[in-house]
Amino acid sequence: EYEKAAYAYPPHAKSADAGYAALLAYAQQEKRAQAGELKKVQLAGVDSALRFAATFKGDARVAAVLTHAAEKLYGLQDLERASAIAQQVVMMSPSAGAQERRTAWTVIAHAAFERGRFDQAERGYTEVLALTPEKDGLRAELTERLAASIYKQGEAARDKGQLRDAV
């Protein structure tokens, strides 16, 4: 019903609120879903989030909604879609908040690393580290992943016989 109110009727003052309420309802439904239906509910929630973001581009909640969708897809191992949505977050104008950008870059970096795109992972981890406070407990892990991304690029260059690039 929230989605109907948000999208099936001509735009009105509460359209965006109805669309957002649908997202909250999906989150509640996800908590109650049985194991066999959980992924279906999660994907329906992501689809609703993408519809919200496309329909209500100027809404202040769009960055958070897209960030959450990217995280959800990453958790579902849909790395291509997760990365594409996270890219939308980091490319937003005006810029998304620092926390949303940090999360989006983390998704981009992890997804790239898992797909063997180590140059993209390096850039992502560099961006995440720039947004991570010095005393943050995750900083050491992120630095390690950055180093691994660089090392893997060296291995790949070595395996191709590109020794100068490997060095």
N, C-alpha and C. Protein backbone atom coordinates (compact mmCIF):
# COMPACT_ATOMS: atom_id res chain seq x y z
N GLU A 1 0.82 -1.20 0.00
CA GLU A 1 0.00 0.00 0.00
C GLU A 1 0.86 1.26 0.00
N TYR A 2 1.99 1.21 0.72
CA TYR A 2 2.89 2.36 0.71
C TYR A 2 3.42 2.62 -0.71
N GLU A 3 3.79 1.56 -1.39
CA GLU A 3 4.30 1.73 -2.75
C GLU A 3 3.21 2.27 -3.68
N LYS A 4 1.99 1.80 -3.49
CA LYS A 4 0.89 2.34 -4.30
C LYS A 4 0.75 3.84 -4.07
N ALA A 5 0.78 4.23 -2.79
CA ALA A 5 0.65 5.65 -2.45
C ALA A 5 1.81 6.47 -3.01
N ALA A 6 2.98 5.87 -3.06
CA ALA A 6 4.17 6.59 -3.53
C ALA A 6 4.24 6.69 -5.04
N TYR A 7 3.87 5.62 -5.73
CA TYR A 7 4.18 5.55 -7.16
C TYR A 7 2.96 5.42 -8.09
N ALA A 8 1.84 4.94 -7.59
CA ALA A 8 0.70 4.67 -8.47
C ALA A 8 -0.22 5.87 -8.66
N TYR A 9 -0.08 6.85 -7.82
CA TYR A 9 -0.95 8.03 -7.89
C TYR A 9 -0.12 9.23 -8.35
N PRO A 10 -0.79 10.26 -8.81
CA PRO A 10 -0.03 11.48 -9.16
C PRO A 10 0.78 11.96 -7.95
N PRO A 11 1.96 12.54 -8.20
CA PRO A 11 2.80 13.00 -7.08
C PRO A 11 2.02 13.91 -6.13
N HIS A 12 2.28 13.71 -4.84
CA HIS A 12 1.63 14.51 -3.81
C HIS A 12 2.63 14.77 -2.68
N ALA A 13 2.24 15.55 -1.70
CA ALA A 13 3.15 15.99 -0.63
C ALA A 13 3.74 14.82 0.16
N LYS A 14 3.07 13.71 0.21
CA LYS A 14 3.54 12.57 1.01
C LYS A 14 4.08 11.42 0.15
N SER A 15 4.27 11.64 -1.13
CA SER A 15 4.75 10.58 -2.01
C SER A 15 6.08 10.00 -1.53
N ALA A 16 7.06 10.86 -1.27
CA ALA A 16 8.38 10.39 -0.84
C ALA A 16 8.29 9.69 0.51
N ASP A 17 7.49 10.23 1.41
CA ASP A 17 7.33 9.59 2.72
C ASP A 17 6.72 8.20 2.58
N ALA A 18 5.78 8.05 1.65
CA ALA A 18 5.17 6.74 1.42
C ALA A 18 6.21 5.77 0.84
N GLY A 19 7.01 6.25 -0.10
CA GLY A 19 8.06 5.41 -0.65
C GLY A 19 9.06 4.97 0.40
N TYR A 20 9.40 5.89 1.29
CA TYR A 20 10.34 5.55 2.37
C TYR A 20 9.70 4.59 3.37
N ALA A 21 8.41 4.79 3.63
CA ALA A 21 7.70 3.87 4.54
C ALA A 21 7.70 2.46 3.97
N ALA A 22 7.62 2.34 2.65
CA ALA A 22 7.70 1.02 2.03
C ALA A 22 9.05 0.36 2.33
N LEU A 23 10.11 1.16 2.30
CA LEU A 23 11.45 0.62 2.60
C LEU A 23 11.53 0.15 4.05
N LEU A 24 10.95 0.91 4.94
CA LEU A 24 10.92 0.50 6.35
C LEU A 24 10.10 -0.77 6.53
N ALA A 25 9.02 -0.89 5.78
CA ALA A 25 8.19 -2.09 5.86
C ALA A 25 8.96 -3.31 5.34
N TYR A 26 9.74 -3.12 4.26
CA TYR A 26 10.58 -4.22 3.77
C TYR A 26 11.59 -4.64 4.84
N ALA A 27 12.16 -3.69 5.53
CA ALA A 27 13.14 -4.01 6.58
C ALA A 27 12.47 -4.83 7.68
N GLN A 28 11.26 -4.49 8.06
CA GLN A 28 10.53 -5.26 9.07
C GLN A 28 10.19 -6.65 8.55
N GLN A 29 9.78 -6.71 7.30
CA GLN A 29 9.45 -8.00 6.68
C GLN A 29 10.69 -8.89 6.63
N GLU A 30 11.84 -8.28 6.35
CA GLU A 30 13.09 -9.03 6.29
C GLU A 30 13.42 -9.68 7.64
N LYS A 31 13.15 -8.96 8.72
CA LYS A 31 13.42 -9.49 10.06
C LYS A 31 12.56 -10.71 10.36
N ARG A 32 11.39 -10.78 9.77
CA ARG A 32 10.44 -11.87 10.04
C ARG A 32 10.49 -12.98 9.01
N ALA A 33 11.24 -12.78 7.94
CA ALA A 33 11.25 -13.73 6.83
C ALA A 33 11.90 -15.04 7.25
N GLN A 34 11.36 -16.11 6.73
CA GLN A 34 11.95 -17.43 6.91
C GLN A 34 13.16 -17.55 5.99
N ALA A 35 14.04 -18.45 6.31
CA ALA A 35 15.28 -18.60 5.55
C ALA A 35 15.03 -18.77 4.06
N GLY A 36 14.02 -19.52 3.68
CA GLY A 36 13.75 -19.78 2.27
C GLY A 36 13.25 -18.57 1.50
N GLU A 37 12.70 -17.60 2.19
CA GLU A 37 12.16 -16.43 1.50
C GLU A 37 12.96 -15.16 1.76
N LEU A 38 13.99 -15.24 2.58
CA LEU A 38 14.76 -14.07 2.97
C LEU A 38 15.37 -13.34 1.77
N LYS A 39 16.03 -14.08 0.89
CA LYS A 39 16.70 -13.44 -0.25
C LYS A 39 15.68 -12.73 -1.13
N LYS A 40 14.53 -13.34 -1.34
CA LYS A 40 13.48 -12.73 -2.16
C LYS A 40 13.02 -11.41 -1.55
N VAL A 41 12.84 -11.39 -0.25
CA VAL A 41 12.43 -10.17 0.45
C VAL A 41 13.52 -9.11 0.35
N GLN A 42 14.77 -9.53 0.53
CA GLN A 42 15.88 -8.59 0.44
C GLN A 42 15.97 -7.96 -0.95
N LEU A 43 15.82 -8.77 -1.98
CA LEU A 43 15.89 -8.24 -3.35
C LEU A 43 14.70 -7.33 -3.66
N ALA A 44 13.54 -7.65 -3.13
CA ALA A 44 12.38 -6.77 -3.32
C ALA A 44 12.63 -5.43 -2.63
N GLY A 45 13.25 -5.47 -1.46
CA GLY A 45 13.60 -4.23 -0.76
C GLY A 45 14.61 -3.40 -1.54
N VAL A 46 15.58 -4.06 -2.15
CA VAL A 46 16.57 -3.35 -2.97
C VAL A 46 15.88 -2.71 -4.17
N ASP A 47 15.01 -3.46 -4.83
CA ASP A 47 14.29 -2.91 -5.98
C ASP A 47 13.47 -1.69 -5.57
N SER A 48 12.84 -1.76 -4.41
CA SER A 48 12.06 -0.63 -3.91
C SER A 48 12.98 0.56 -3.61
N ALA A 49 14.15 0.28 -3.07
CA ALA A 49 15.11 1.35 -2.78
C ALA A 49 15.57 2.04 -4.05
N LEU A 50 15.82 1.27 -5.09
CA LEU A 50 16.25 1.85 -6.36
C LEU A 50 15.13 2.68 -6.99
N ARG A 51 13.92 2.20 -6.84
CA ARG A 51 12.77 2.96 -7.35
C ARG A 51 12.62 4.27 -6.58
N PHE A 52 12.79 4.21 -5.26
CA PHE A 52 12.72 5.41 -4.43
C PHE A 52 13.76 6.42 -4.89
N ALA A 53 14.99 5.97 -5.05
CA ALA A 53 16.08 6.87 -5.44
C ALA A 53 15.86 7.47 -6.82
N ALA A 54 15.33 6.69 -7.74
CA ALA A 54 15.09 7.20 -9.09
C ALA A 54 13.92 8.18 -9.13
N THR A 55 12.93 7.93 -8.29
CA THR A 55 11.73 8.76 -8.30
C THR A 55 11.89 10.05 -7.51
N PHE A 56 12.59 9.96 -6.38
CA PHE A 56 12.70 11.11 -5.48
C PHE A 56 14.15 11.57 -5.37
N LYS A 57 14.76 11.87 -6.51
CA LYS A 57 16.19 12.21 -6.59
C LYS A 57 16.62 13.30 -5.62
N GLY A 58 15.77 14.27 -5.36
CA GLY A 58 16.15 15.37 -4.49
C GLY A 58 15.92 15.13 -3.02
N ASP A 59 15.41 13.97 -2.66
CA ASP A 59 15.12 13.67 -1.26
C ASP A 59 16.42 13.47 -0.49
N ALA A 60 16.47 14.01 0.71
CA ALA A 60 17.68 13.93 1.54
C ALA A 60 18.03 12.49 1.94
N ARG A 61 17.09 11.58 1.83
CA ARG A 61 17.32 10.18 2.24
C ARG A 61 17.90 9.31 1.14
N VAL A 62 18.03 9.83 -0.07
CA VAL A 62 18.46 9.01 -1.21
C VAL A 62 19.85 8.42 -1.00
N ALA A 63 20.79 9.20 -0.51
CA ALA A 63 22.16 8.67 -0.32
C ALA A 63 22.16 7.50 0.65
N ALA A 64 21.45 7.63 1.75
CA ALA A 64 21.39 6.53 2.73
C ALA A 64 20.68 5.32 2.15
N VAL A 65 19.62 5.56 1.39
CA VAL A 65 18.86 4.47 0.78
C VAL A 65 19.74 3.70 -0.21
N LEU A 66 20.45 4.42 -1.07
CA LEU A 66 21.32 3.76 -2.04
C LEU A 66 22.48 3.04 -1.36
N THR A 67 23.03 3.66 -0.33
CA THR A 67 24.13 3.03 0.40
C THR A 67 23.68 1.71 1.01
N HIS A 68 22.51 1.72 1.62
CA HIS A 68 21.97 0.50 2.22
C HIS A 68 21.73 -0.56 1.15
N ALA A 69 21.22 -0.16 -0.01
CA ALA A 69 20.97 -1.10 -1.10
C ALA A 69 22.29 -1.72 -1.58
N ALA A 70 23.33 -0.90 -1.71
CA ALA A 70 24.64 -1.41 -2.13
C ALA A 70 25.18 -2.42 -1.12
N GLU A 71 25.06 -2.10 0.16
CA GLU A 71 25.51 -3.04 1.21
C GLU A 71 24.73 -4.34 1.15
N LYS A 72 23.43 -4.23 0.94
CA LYS A 72 22.57 -5.42 0.89
C LYS A 72 22.99 -6.31 -0.28
N LEU A 73 23.19 -5.71 -1.45
CA LEU A 73 23.59 -6.49 -2.62
C LEU A 73 24.98 -7.09 -2.43
N TYR A 74 25.87 -6.37 -1.78
CA TYR A 74 27.19 -6.92 -1.49
C TYR A 74 27.05 -8.16 -0.61
N GLY A 75 26.21 -8.05 0.40
CA GLY A 75 25.97 -9.19 1.29
C GLY A 75 25.37 -10.38 0.56
N LEU A 76 24.62 -10.11 -0.49
CA LEU A 76 24.02 -11.17 -1.30
C LEU A 76 24.96 -11.65 -2.40
N GLN A 77 26.17 -11.13 -2.42
CA GLN A 77 27.21 -11.48 -3.40
C GLN A 77 26.86 -11.07 -4.83
N ASP A 78 26.01 -10.06 -4.98
CA ASP A 78 25.74 -9.48 -6.29
C ASP A 78 26.70 -8.30 -6.44
N LEU A 79 27.95 -8.64 -6.69
CA LEU A 79 29.04 -7.66 -6.63
C LEU A 79 28.94 -6.59 -7.71
N GLU A 80 28.51 -6.96 -8.91
CA GLU A 80 28.39 -5.98 -9.99
C GLU A 80 27.36 -4.90 -9.63
N ARG A 81 26.17 -5.34 -9.24
CA ARG A 81 25.13 -4.36 -8.89
C ARG A 81 25.50 -3.57 -7.65
N ALA A 82 26.09 -4.23 -6.67
CA ALA A 82 26.49 -3.53 -5.44
C ALA A 82 27.47 -2.42 -5.77
N SER A 83 28.45 -2.73 -6.59
CA SER A 83 29.45 -1.74 -6.97
C SER A 83 28.83 -0.61 -7.79
N ALA A 84 27.94 -0.93 -8.70
CA ALA A 84 27.31 0.10 -9.54
C ALA A 84 26.48 1.06 -8.69
N ILE A 85 25.77 0.54 -7.72
CA ILE A 85 24.96 1.41 -6.85
C ILE A 85 25.86 2.23 -5.94
N ALA A 86 26.92 1.62 -5.42
CA ALA A 86 27.87 2.37 -4.59
C ALA A 86 28.51 3.50 -5.40
N GLN A 87 28.77 3.24 -6.68
CA GLN A 87 29.32 4.30 -7.55
C GLN A 87 28.35 5.47 -7.65
N GLN A 88 27.06 5.19 -7.70
CA GLN A 88 26.07 6.26 -7.73
C GLN A 88 26.20 7.14 -6.49
N VAL A 89 26.43 6.49 -5.35
CA VAL A 89 26.55 7.24 -4.09
C VAL A 89 27.76 8.17 -4.14
N VAL A 90 28.91 7.66 -4.56
CA VAL A 90 30.11 8.50 -4.55
C VAL A 90 30.09 9.57 -5.63
N MET A 91 29.24 9.41 -6.63
CA MET A 91 29.14 10.39 -7.71
C MET A 91 28.01 11.40 -7.49
N MET A 92 27.31 11.30 -6.38
CA MET A 92 26.16 12.17 -6.14
C MET A 92 26.58 13.64 -6.07
N SER A 93 25.68 14.48 -6.58
CA SER A 93 25.88 15.92 -6.49
C SER A 93 24.56 16.54 -6.07
N PRO A 94 24.51 17.21 -4.94
CA PRO A 94 25.61 17.43 -4.01
C PRO A 94 26.06 16.11 -3.38
N SER A 95 27.26 16.14 -2.84
CA SER A 95 27.88 14.94 -2.29
C SER A 95 27.06 14.32 -1.18
N ALA A 96 27.11 13.00 -1.14
CA ALA A 96 26.53 12.26 -0.02
C ALA A 96 27.37 12.58 1.21
N GLY A 97 26.84 12.25 2.37
CA GLY A 97 27.57 12.47 3.61
C GLY A 97 28.81 11.59 3.70
N ALA A 98 29.71 11.96 4.58
CA ALA A 98 30.98 11.24 4.72
C ALA A 98 30.76 9.76 5.04
N GLN A 99 29.81 9.45 5.91
CA GLN A 99 29.57 8.05 6.27
C GLN A 99 29.05 7.24 5.08
N GLU A 100 28.14 7.85 4.30
CA GLU A 100 27.63 7.15 3.12
C GLU A 100 28.75 6.95 2.09
N ARG A 101 29.58 7.97 1.89
CA ARG A 101 30.69 7.84 0.95
C ARG A 101 31.68 6.78 1.42
N ARG A 102 31.95 6.78 2.69
CA ARG A 102 32.88 5.78 3.25
C ARG A 102 32.35 4.36 3.03
N THR A 103 31.08 4.16 3.32
CA THR A 103 30.48 2.84 3.13
C THR A 103 30.46 2.46 1.65
N ALA A 104 30.11 3.41 0.80
CA ALA A 104 30.07 3.14 -0.63
C ALA A 104 31.46 2.76 -1.16
N TRP A 105 32.48 3.52 -0.76
CA TRP A 105 33.84 3.18 -1.21
C TRP A 105 34.27 1.82 -0.68
N THR A 106 33.83 1.47 0.52
CA THR A 106 34.16 0.15 1.07
C THR A 106 33.54 -0.94 0.21
N VAL A 107 32.28 -0.78 -0.16
CA VAL A 107 31.62 -1.75 -1.04
C VAL A 107 32.36 -1.84 -2.37
N ILE A 108 32.69 -0.70 -2.95
CA ILE A 108 33.40 -0.68 -4.23
C ILE A 108 34.73 -1.42 -4.11
N ALA A 109 35.48 -1.11 -3.06
CA ALA A 109 36.80 -1.72 -2.88
C ALA A 109 36.70 -3.22 -2.65
N HIS A 110 35.84 -3.64 -1.74
CA HIS A 110 35.70 -5.07 -1.46
C HIS A 110 35.22 -5.83 -2.69
N ALA A 111 34.23 -5.27 -3.39
CA ALA A 111 33.70 -5.95 -4.57
C ALA A 111 34.77 -6.06 -5.65
N ALA A 112 35.54 -5.01 -5.86
CA ALA A 112 36.62 -5.06 -6.85
C ALA A 112 37.67 -6.09 -6.46
N PHE A 113 38.03 -6.13 -5.19
CA PHE A 113 39.03 -7.09 -4.73
C PHE A 113 38.53 -8.52 -4.98
N GLU A 114 37.28 -8.78 -4.64
CA GLU A 114 36.75 -10.14 -4.81
C GLU A 114 36.62 -10.53 -6.27
N ARG A 115 36.52 -9.57 -7.17
CA ARG A 115 36.43 -9.86 -8.60
C ARG A 115 37.80 -9.84 -9.26
N GLY A 116 38.86 -9.62 -8.48
CA GLY A 116 40.21 -9.61 -9.03
C GLY A 116 40.56 -8.33 -9.76
N ARG A 117 39.83 -7.28 -9.52
CA ARG A 117 40.11 -5.97 -10.13
C ARG A 117 40.89 -5.14 -9.12
N PHE A 118 42.14 -5.49 -8.97
CA PHE A 118 42.94 -4.97 -7.88
C PHE A 118 43.28 -3.49 -8.02
N ASP A 119 43.36 -2.98 -9.25
CA ASP A 119 43.60 -1.55 -9.42
C ASP A 119 42.39 -0.75 -8.91
N GLN A 120 41.18 -1.24 -9.19
CA GLN A 120 39.98 -0.58 -8.69
C GLN A 120 39.88 -0.72 -7.16
N ALA A 121 40.28 -1.87 -6.66
CA ALA A 121 40.28 -2.07 -5.22
C ALA A 121 41.26 -1.11 -4.54
N GLU A 122 42.43 -0.93 -5.14
CA GLU A 122 43.41 0.01 -4.58
C GLU A 122 42.81 1.41 -4.47
N ARG A 123 42.17 1.86 -5.53
CA ARG A 123 41.56 3.19 -5.49
C ARG A 123 40.48 3.26 -4.42
N GLY A 124 39.66 2.23 -4.36
CA GLY A 124 38.59 2.21 -3.36
C GLY A 124 39.12 2.26 -1.94
N TYR A 125 40.11 1.43 -1.65
CA TYR A 125 40.69 1.43 -0.30
C TYR A 125 41.38 2.76 0.03
N THR A 126 41.99 3.36 -0.97
CA THR A 126 42.61 4.67 -0.76
C THR A 126 41.54 5.70 -0.37
N GLU A 127 40.42 5.67 -1.07
CA GLU A 127 39.31 6.58 -0.77
C GLU A 127 38.72 6.30 0.62
N VAL A 128 38.53 5.04 0.94
CA VAL A 128 37.98 4.68 2.26
C VAL A 128 38.91 5.18 3.36
N LEU A 129 40.19 4.95 3.20
CA LEU A 129 41.15 5.38 4.22
C LEU A 129 41.15 6.89 4.40
N ALA A 130 40.95 7.63 3.32
CA ALA A 130 40.89 9.09 3.42
C ALA A 130 39.68 9.54 4.24
N LEU A 131 38.64 8.71 4.29
CA LEU A 131 37.42 9.03 5.03
C LEU A 131 37.37 8.36 6.40
N THR A 132 38.41 7.63 6.76
CA THR A 132 38.44 6.88 8.02
C THR A 132 39.33 7.59 9.03
N PRO A 133 38.78 7.91 10.19
CA PRO A 133 39.59 8.57 11.23
C PRO A 133 40.80 7.72 11.63
N GLU A 134 41.87 8.39 12.01
CA GLU A 134 43.13 7.73 12.39
C GLU A 134 42.93 6.68 13.49
N LYS A 135 42.06 6.93 14.43
CA LYS A 135 41.90 6.03 15.57
C LYS A 135 40.83 4.97 15.36
N ASP A 136 40.25 4.91 14.18
CA ASP A 136 39.20 3.93 13.89
C ASP A 136 39.81 2.53 13.89
N GLY A 137 39.13 1.60 14.54
CA GLY A 137 39.61 0.23 14.64
C GLY A 137 39.71 -0.51 13.31
N LEU A 138 38.96 -0.09 12.30
CA LEU A 138 38.99 -0.74 11.00
C LEU A 138 40.15 -0.28 10.12
N ARG A 139 40.83 0.76 10.56
CA ARG A 139 41.89 1.33 9.74
C ARG A 139 43.00 0.32 9.41
N ALA A 140 43.39 -0.49 10.37
CA ALA A 140 44.45 -1.48 10.13
C ALA A 140 44.02 -2.50 9.09
N GLU A 141 42.79 -2.96 9.18
CA GLU A 141 42.28 -3.93 8.21
C GLU A 141 42.21 -3.32 6.81
N LEU A 142 41.75 -2.08 6.73
CA LEU A 142 41.67 -1.40 5.44
C LEU A 142 43.07 -1.20 4.83
N THR A 143 44.02 -0.85 5.67
CA THR A 143 45.40 -0.66 5.20
C THR A 143 45.95 -1.99 4.69
N GLU A 144 45.65 -3.06 5.38
CA GLU A 144 46.08 -4.39 4.95
C GLU A 144 45.47 -4.76 3.59
N ARG A 145 44.20 -4.45 3.42
CA ARG A 145 43.53 -4.74 2.15
C ARG A 145 44.12 -3.88 1.02
N LEU A 146 44.46 -2.63 1.33
CA LEU A 146 45.11 -1.77 0.34
C LEU A 146 46.45 -2.37 -0.08
N ALA A 147 47.22 -2.79 0.89
CA ALA A 147 48.52 -3.39 0.59
C ALA A 147 48.35 -4.67 -0.23
N ALA A 148 47.36 -5.48 0.10
CA ALA A 148 47.11 -6.71 -0.65
C ALA A 148 46.71 -6.39 -2.09
N SER A 149 45.93 -5.33 -2.28
CA SER A 149 45.52 -4.93 -3.63
C SER A 149 46.73 -4.56 -4.47
N ILE A 150 47.63 -3.83 -3.88
CA ILE A 150 48.85 -3.41 -4.59
C ILE A 150 49.73 -4.62 -4.88
N TYR A 151 49.87 -5.50 -3.89
CA TYR A 151 50.68 -6.70 -4.06
C TYR A 151 50.12 -7.58 -5.17
N LYS A 152 48.81 -7.74 -5.20
CA LYS A 152 48.18 -8.58 -6.23
C LYS A 152 48.40 -7.99 -7.62
N GLN A 153 48.46 -6.67 -7.74
CA GLN A 153 48.76 -6.06 -9.03
C GLN A 153 50.18 -6.40 -9.46
N GLY A 154 51.10 -6.42 -8.49
CA GLY A 154 52.48 -6.81 -8.78
C GLY A 154 52.57 -8.26 -9.23
N GLU A 155 51.84 -9.14 -8.58
CA GLU A 155 51.82 -10.55 -8.98
C GLU A 155 51.28 -10.71 -10.40
N ALA A 156 50.21 -10.00 -10.70
CA ALA A 156 49.60 -10.10 -12.03
C ALA A 156 50.58 -9.61 -13.09
N ALA A 157 51.26 -8.52 -12.83
CA ALA A 157 52.24 -7.99 -13.79
C ALA A 157 53.38 -8.98 -13.97
N ARG A 158 53.84 -9.56 -12.87
CA ARG A 158 54.92 -10.56 -12.94
C ARG A 158 54.48 -11.75 -13.78
N ASP A 159 53.25 -12.23 -13.56
CA ASP A 159 52.75 -13.39 -14.30
C ASP A 159 52.62 -13.12 -15.79
N LYS A 160 52.45 -11.85 -16.16
CA LYS A 160 52.36 -11.46 -17.57
C LYS A 160 53.74 -11.17 -18.15
N GLY A 161 54.77 -11.29 -17.34
CA GLY A 161 56.12 -11.00 -17.80
C GLY A 161 56.43 -9.51 -17.83
N GLN A 162 55.61 -8.70 -17.22
CA GLN A 162 55.81 -7.25 -17.17
C GLN A 162 56.55 -6.90 -15.89
N LEU A 163 57.83 -7.24 -15.89
CA LEU A 163 58.62 -7.16 -14.67
C LEU A 163 58.80 -5.72 -14.17
N ARG A 164 58.92 -4.77 -15.07
CA ARG A 164 59.06 -3.37 -14.64
C ARG A 164 57.81 -2.94 -13.88
N ASP A 165 56.63 -3.28 -14.41
CA ASP A 165 55.38 -2.96 -13.73
C ASP A 165 55.27 -3.72 -12.40
N ALA A 166 55.75 -4.94 -12.39
CA ALA A 166 55.69 -5.74 -11.16
C ALA A 166 56.50 -5.09 -10.05
N VAL A 167 57.68 -4.59 -10.40
CA VAL A 167 58.53 -3.91 -9.42
C VAL A 167 57.83 -2.68 -8.93
